[in-house]
Amino acid sequence: MIVWVQECPDPSFVGLPPPPLPIALKFTDAQGRYEIDYVRDGDCAPMNVTVNNPTTNSEKRLTSAVAYDGQHMVLDMVFLARGNVEGNIISGGQPMPKAWVRVLPDLDVVGTKVVQADLNGHYVAKDVPVGNVSVLAVGDGAAHNASGFAAGTITGEKERQTYEMLLASPLRPAVLTSSQFASQTPQAARTPNGWIASGPNRSGATTKYGIKAGLDSSRLVDAQRA
């Protein structure tokens, strides 16, 4: 574990504040206990303690101010047990290769994992903190707009949870060409720029509408204003 303090920036220099300074470094004993004889607040911020787990490389951080001279502080930090999340990504009944998967643990967001599925759409996220997790999958490349979501709970150390996800793409509007507009709208009349027809609008009043030659339905126009 490392104890850090934050000194004040130099008022004569415009820029970022100086980086925190380490003032103590300790290794825990076999029972995970530690003791540091002297700590202090920084001039511009409270004392900060960081602890690294050498097994999982995860980190815990705690900030606490020293209230008075000679204060005895007890700072306990808990590393959550870890499990694995895996599954398969499916789109249109077929495996989705190379999809990106983010696993977000509710109890320790620092332990968020981002992995990429293999060519068979299978993914594995290891060392995920226990508790409730949210799993989001997004397609890769041309399938980047397809996504899927799952949620569940890792209840114990080294537990393996499997979440199969179906990726769905946003709805896309159907394409209607000018020739299809003409064939599907018997009352349509040919104009130099395309086709025009009349019919009731949402309020019930009769209005004219049409499509310009060569354009799809996303460019349907009000013929009276075109």
Protein backbone atom coordinates (compact mmCIF):
# COMPACT_ATOMS: atom_id res chain seq x y z
CA MET A 1 0.00 0.00 0.00
CA ILE A 2 1.07 3.60 -0.66
CA VAL A 3 0.16 6.79 1.20
CA TRP A 4 0.00 9.91 -0.98
CA VAL A 5 -0.34 13.62 -0.25
CA GLN A 6 -1.28 16.47 -2.57
CA GLU A 7 0.75 19.66 -2.33
CA CYS A 8 -0.55 23.03 -3.49
CA PRO A 9 0.28 24.31 -6.97
CA ASP A 10 2.75 27.15 -7.42
CA PRO A 11 0.59 30.32 -7.73
CA SER A 12 3.20 31.91 -9.97
CA PHE A 13 2.82 29.10 -12.53
CA VAL A 14 -0.33 28.58 -14.58
CA GLY A 15 -0.94 24.91 -15.23
CA LEU A 16 -1.97 21.64 -13.68
CA PRO A 17 -1.35 21.02 -9.97
CA PRO A 18 1.72 18.95 -9.08
CA PRO A 19 1.27 15.17 -8.98
CA PRO A 20 0.61 13.54 -5.58
CA LEU A 21 3.71 12.68 -3.54
CA PRO A 22 4.16 9.23 -1.97
CA ILE A 23 5.21 9.56 1.68
CA ALA A 24 4.96 5.93 2.82
CA LEU A 25 5.14 2.45 1.27
CA LYS A 26 4.20 -0.68 3.18
CA PHE A 27 3.60 -4.35 2.40
CA THR A 28 0.87 -6.17 4.33
CA ASP A 29 1.73 -9.20 6.44
CA ALA A 30 0.37 -12.73 5.99
CA GLN A 31 -2.96 -11.69 7.55
CA GLY A 32 -3.27 -8.61 5.36
CA ARG A 33 -2.50 -6.20 8.21
CA TYR A 34 -0.39 -3.07 7.94
CA GLU A 35 0.75 -0.23 10.19
CA ILE A 36 2.25 3.13 9.32
CA ASP A 37 3.71 5.27 12.10
CA TYR A 38 3.43 8.66 10.44
CA VAL A 39 0.99 10.12 7.93
CA ARG A 40 -0.14 13.65 7.21
CA ASP A 41 -2.56 15.57 5.03
CA GLY A 42 -1.28 17.37 2.00
CA ASP A 43 -1.30 21.15 1.97
CA CYS A 44 -4.22 21.20 -0.48
CA ALA A 45 -5.99 17.85 -0.07
CA PRO A 46 -6.56 15.06 2.47
CA MET A 47 -4.35 12.02 2.71
CA ASN A 48 -4.92 9.34 0.08
CA VAL A 49 -4.21 5.62 0.43
CA THR A 50 -3.99 3.13 -2.43
CA VAL A 51 -3.72 -0.64 -2.13
CA ASN A 52 -2.89 -3.02 -4.98
CA ASN A 53 -3.87 -6.68 -5.04
CA PRO A 54 -0.84 -8.52 -6.51
CA THR A 55 -3.01 -11.47 -7.58
CA THR A 56 -5.65 -9.67 -9.61
CA ASN A 57 -3.83 -6.32 -10.11
CA SER A 58 -6.97 -4.56 -8.88
CA GLU A 59 -6.68 -1.37 -6.86
CA LYS A 60 -8.55 0.17 -3.95
CA ARG A 61 -8.36 3.85 -3.08
CA LEU A 62 -9.44 5.62 0.09
CA THR A 63 -9.24 9.28 1.07
CA SER A 64 -9.40 10.44 4.70
CA ALA A 65 -8.34 13.64 6.40
CA VAL A 66 -6.11 13.64 9.49
CA ALA A 67 -8.29 15.42 12.04
CA TYR A 68 -5.75 16.17 14.79
CA ASP A 69 -2.15 15.57 15.85
CA GLY A 70 -1.56 12.05 17.18
CA GLN A 71 -4.79 10.66 15.74
CA HIS A 72 -4.95 6.85 15.42
CA MET A 73 -6.71 5.90 12.19
CA VAL A 74 -8.02 2.46 11.22
CA LEU A 75 -8.56 2.13 7.47
CA ASP A 76 -9.82 -1.28 6.32
CA MET A 77 -10.16 -2.06 2.62
CA VAL A 78 -11.89 -5.11 1.15
CA PHE A 79 -11.14 -6.70 -2.20
CA LEU A 80 -14.19 -8.47 -3.58
CA ALA A 81 -14.03 -12.09 -4.68
CA ARG A 82 -13.75 -12.60 -8.42
CA GLY A 83 -15.56 -14.75 -10.93
CA ASN A 84 -15.83 -15.15 -14.71
CA VAL A 85 -18.50 -14.17 -17.23
CA GLU A 86 -18.75 -15.90 -20.59
CA GLY A 87 -21.23 -16.65 -23.34
CA ASN A 88 -21.99 -16.48 -27.05
CA ILE A 89 -23.12 -13.56 -29.20
CA ILE A 90 -25.79 -14.39 -31.79
CA SER A 91 -27.25 -12.21 -34.55
CA GLY A 92 -29.84 -13.43 -37.04
CA GLY A 93 -29.39 -16.99 -35.82
CA GLN A 94 -25.66 -16.92 -36.59
CA PRO A 95 -22.61 -16.36 -34.34
CA MET A 96 -21.41 -12.76 -34.32
CA PRO A 97 -17.60 -12.83 -34.60
CA LYS A 98 -15.42 -10.14 -33.04
CA ALA A 99 -18.29 -8.46 -31.15
CA TRP A 100 -17.24 -6.24 -28.25
CA VAL A 101 -18.50 -7.07 -24.77
CA ARG A 102 -18.42 -4.84 -21.67
CA VAL A 103 -19.04 -6.38 -18.25
CA LEU A 104 -19.87 -3.77 -15.61
CA PRO A 105 -19.94 -4.93 -11.94
CA ASP A 106 -22.26 -2.88 -9.72
CA LEU A 107 -20.14 -3.13 -6.56
CA ASP A 108 -16.81 -2.16 -8.13
CA VAL A 109 -16.97 -0.24 -11.40
CA VAL A 110 -13.17 -0.07 -11.46
CA GLY A 111 -13.35 -3.81 -12.17
CA THR A 112 -15.18 -3.26 -15.48
CA LYS A 113 -13.94 -5.61 -18.20
CA VAL A 114 -14.02 -5.07 -21.97
CA VAL A 115 -13.31 -8.12 -24.14
CA GLN A 116 -13.78 -9.11 -27.76
CA ALA A 117 -15.53 -12.27 -28.87
CA ASP A 118 -13.64 -14.80 -31.01
CA LEU A 119 -14.52 -15.83 -34.56
CA ASN A 120 -17.27 -18.09 -33.21
CA GLY A 121 -18.90 -15.28 -31.23
CA HIS A 122 -17.70 -16.69 -27.89
CA TYR A 123 -16.42 -14.32 -25.20
CA VAL A 124 -14.82 -14.73 -21.77
CA ALA A 125 -14.32 -11.95 -19.19
CA LYS A 126 -12.14 -13.06 -16.27
CA ASP A 127 -11.63 -11.68 -12.75
CA VAL A 128 -14.96 -9.84 -12.58
CA PRO A 129 -15.90 -8.68 -9.03
CA VAL A 130 -18.81 -10.56 -7.46
CA GLY A 131 -22.28 -9.05 -7.22
CA ASN A 132 -24.72 -7.85 -9.83
CA VAL A 133 -23.25 -7.38 -13.31
CA SER A 134 -24.51 -5.75 -16.49
CA VAL A 135 -23.32 -7.14 -19.82
CA LEU A 136 -23.49 -5.09 -23.02
CA ALA A 137 -22.50 -6.45 -26.43
CA VAL A 138 -21.96 -4.39 -29.60
CA GLY A 139 -21.21 -5.70 -33.06
CA ASP A 140 -17.94 -4.98 -34.83
CA GLY A 141 -17.32 -3.39 -38.21
CA ALA A 142 -20.41 -3.30 -40.44
CA ALA A 143 -22.49 -4.61 -37.50
CA HIS A 144 -21.48 -1.77 -35.16
CA ASN A 145 -25.10 -0.59 -34.80
CA ALA A 146 -26.30 -3.97 -33.47
CA SER A 147 -26.38 -4.40 -29.70
CA GLY A 148 -27.62 -6.69 -26.94
CA PHE A 149 -27.91 -6.56 -23.16
CA ALA A 150 -27.97 -9.05 -20.29
CA ALA A 151 -27.77 -8.86 -16.49
CA GLY A 152 -27.14 -11.29 -13.67
CA THR A 153 -25.22 -11.98 -10.47
CA ILE A 154 -21.87 -13.54 -9.59
CA THR A 155 -22.38 -14.95 -6.11
CA GLY A 156 -19.01 -16.47 -5.21
CA GLU A 157 -15.29 -16.80 -5.74
CA LYS A 158 -14.31 -18.30 -9.12
CA GLU A 159 -17.96 -18.72 -10.07
CA ARG A 160 -18.60 -18.84 -13.80
CA GLN A 161 -21.73 -17.20 -15.19
CA THR A 162 -22.88 -17.70 -18.78
CA TYR A 163 -24.94 -15.12 -20.66
CA GLU A 164 -26.05 -15.73 -24.24
CA MET A 165 -26.94 -12.51 -26.06
CA LEU A 166 -28.89 -11.78 -29.23
CA LEU A 167 -27.79 -8.68 -31.11
CA ALA A 168 -30.55 -6.63 -32.69
CA SER A 169 -30.11 -3.81 -35.22
CA PRO A 170 -32.16 -0.61 -35.07
CA LEU A 171 -35.21 -0.66 -37.33
CA ARG A 172 -34.47 0.65 -40.80
CA PRO A 173 -37.12 2.31 -42.98
CA ALA A 174 -38.21 0.38 -46.04
CA VAL A 175 -37.06 1.80 -49.34
CA LEU A 176 -39.69 2.87 -51.86
CA THR A 177 -38.47 3.85 -55.31
CA SER A 178 -40.31 6.26 -57.57
CA SER A 179 -41.41 3.42 -59.88
CA GLN A 180 -42.79 1.45 -56.90
CA PHE A 181 -44.63 4.58 -55.74
CA ALA A 182 -46.27 4.84 -59.13
CA SER A 183 -47.25 1.14 -59.31
CA GLN A 184 -48.61 1.09 -55.73
CA THR A 185 -50.49 4.39 -56.01
CA PRO A 186 -53.10 4.04 -58.78
CA GLN A 187 -54.12 7.69 -58.56
CA ALA A 188 -50.51 8.87 -59.08
CA ALA A 189 -49.91 11.08 -62.09
CA ARG A 190 -46.63 11.45 -63.91
CA THR A 191 -44.91 14.87 -63.80
CA PRO A 192 -41.63 16.06 -65.35
CA ASN A 193 -39.93 15.60 -61.94
CA GLY A 194 -41.54 12.38 -60.75
CA TRP A 195 -44.97 11.32 -59.57
CA ILE A 196 -47.77 13.14 -57.76
CA ALA A 197 -50.94 11.96 -56.01
CA SER A 198 -53.58 13.29 -53.64
CA GLY A 199 -55.22 11.79 -50.58
CA PRO A 200 -56.30 12.43 -46.99
CA ASN A 201 -53.66 13.43 -44.45
CA ARG A 202 -53.70 12.66 -40.69
CA SER A 203 -56.28 15.36 -40.03
CA GLY A 204 -58.58 14.06 -42.77
CA ALA A 205 -58.05 16.91 -45.18
CA THR A 206 -57.05 16.18 -48.77
CA THR A 207 -53.48 17.01 -49.64
CA LYS A 208 -51.07 16.37 -52.46
CA TYR A 209 -47.93 14.32 -52.03
CA GLY A 210 -45.35 12.84 -54.34
CA ILE A 211 -41.88 11.50 -54.92
CA LYS A 212 -39.16 12.85 -57.11
CA ALA A 213 -37.82 10.55 -59.80
CA GLY A 214 -34.94 8.36 -58.64
CA LEU A 215 -35.40 9.09 -54.91
CA ASP A 216 -36.49 6.76 -52.13
CA SER A 217 -39.32 7.17 -49.64
CA SER A 218 -37.19 9.16 -47.22
CA ARG A 219 -37.46 12.02 -49.71
CA LEU A 220 -41.24 12.03 -50.14
CA VAL A 221 -42.22 15.67 -50.57
CA ASP A 222 -45.30 17.84 -50.36
CA ALA A 223 -45.99 18.48 -54.01
CA GLN A 224 -47.56 21.86 -53.31
CA ARG A 225 -44.28 23.12 -51.81
CA ALA A 226 -41.82 21.25 -54.06
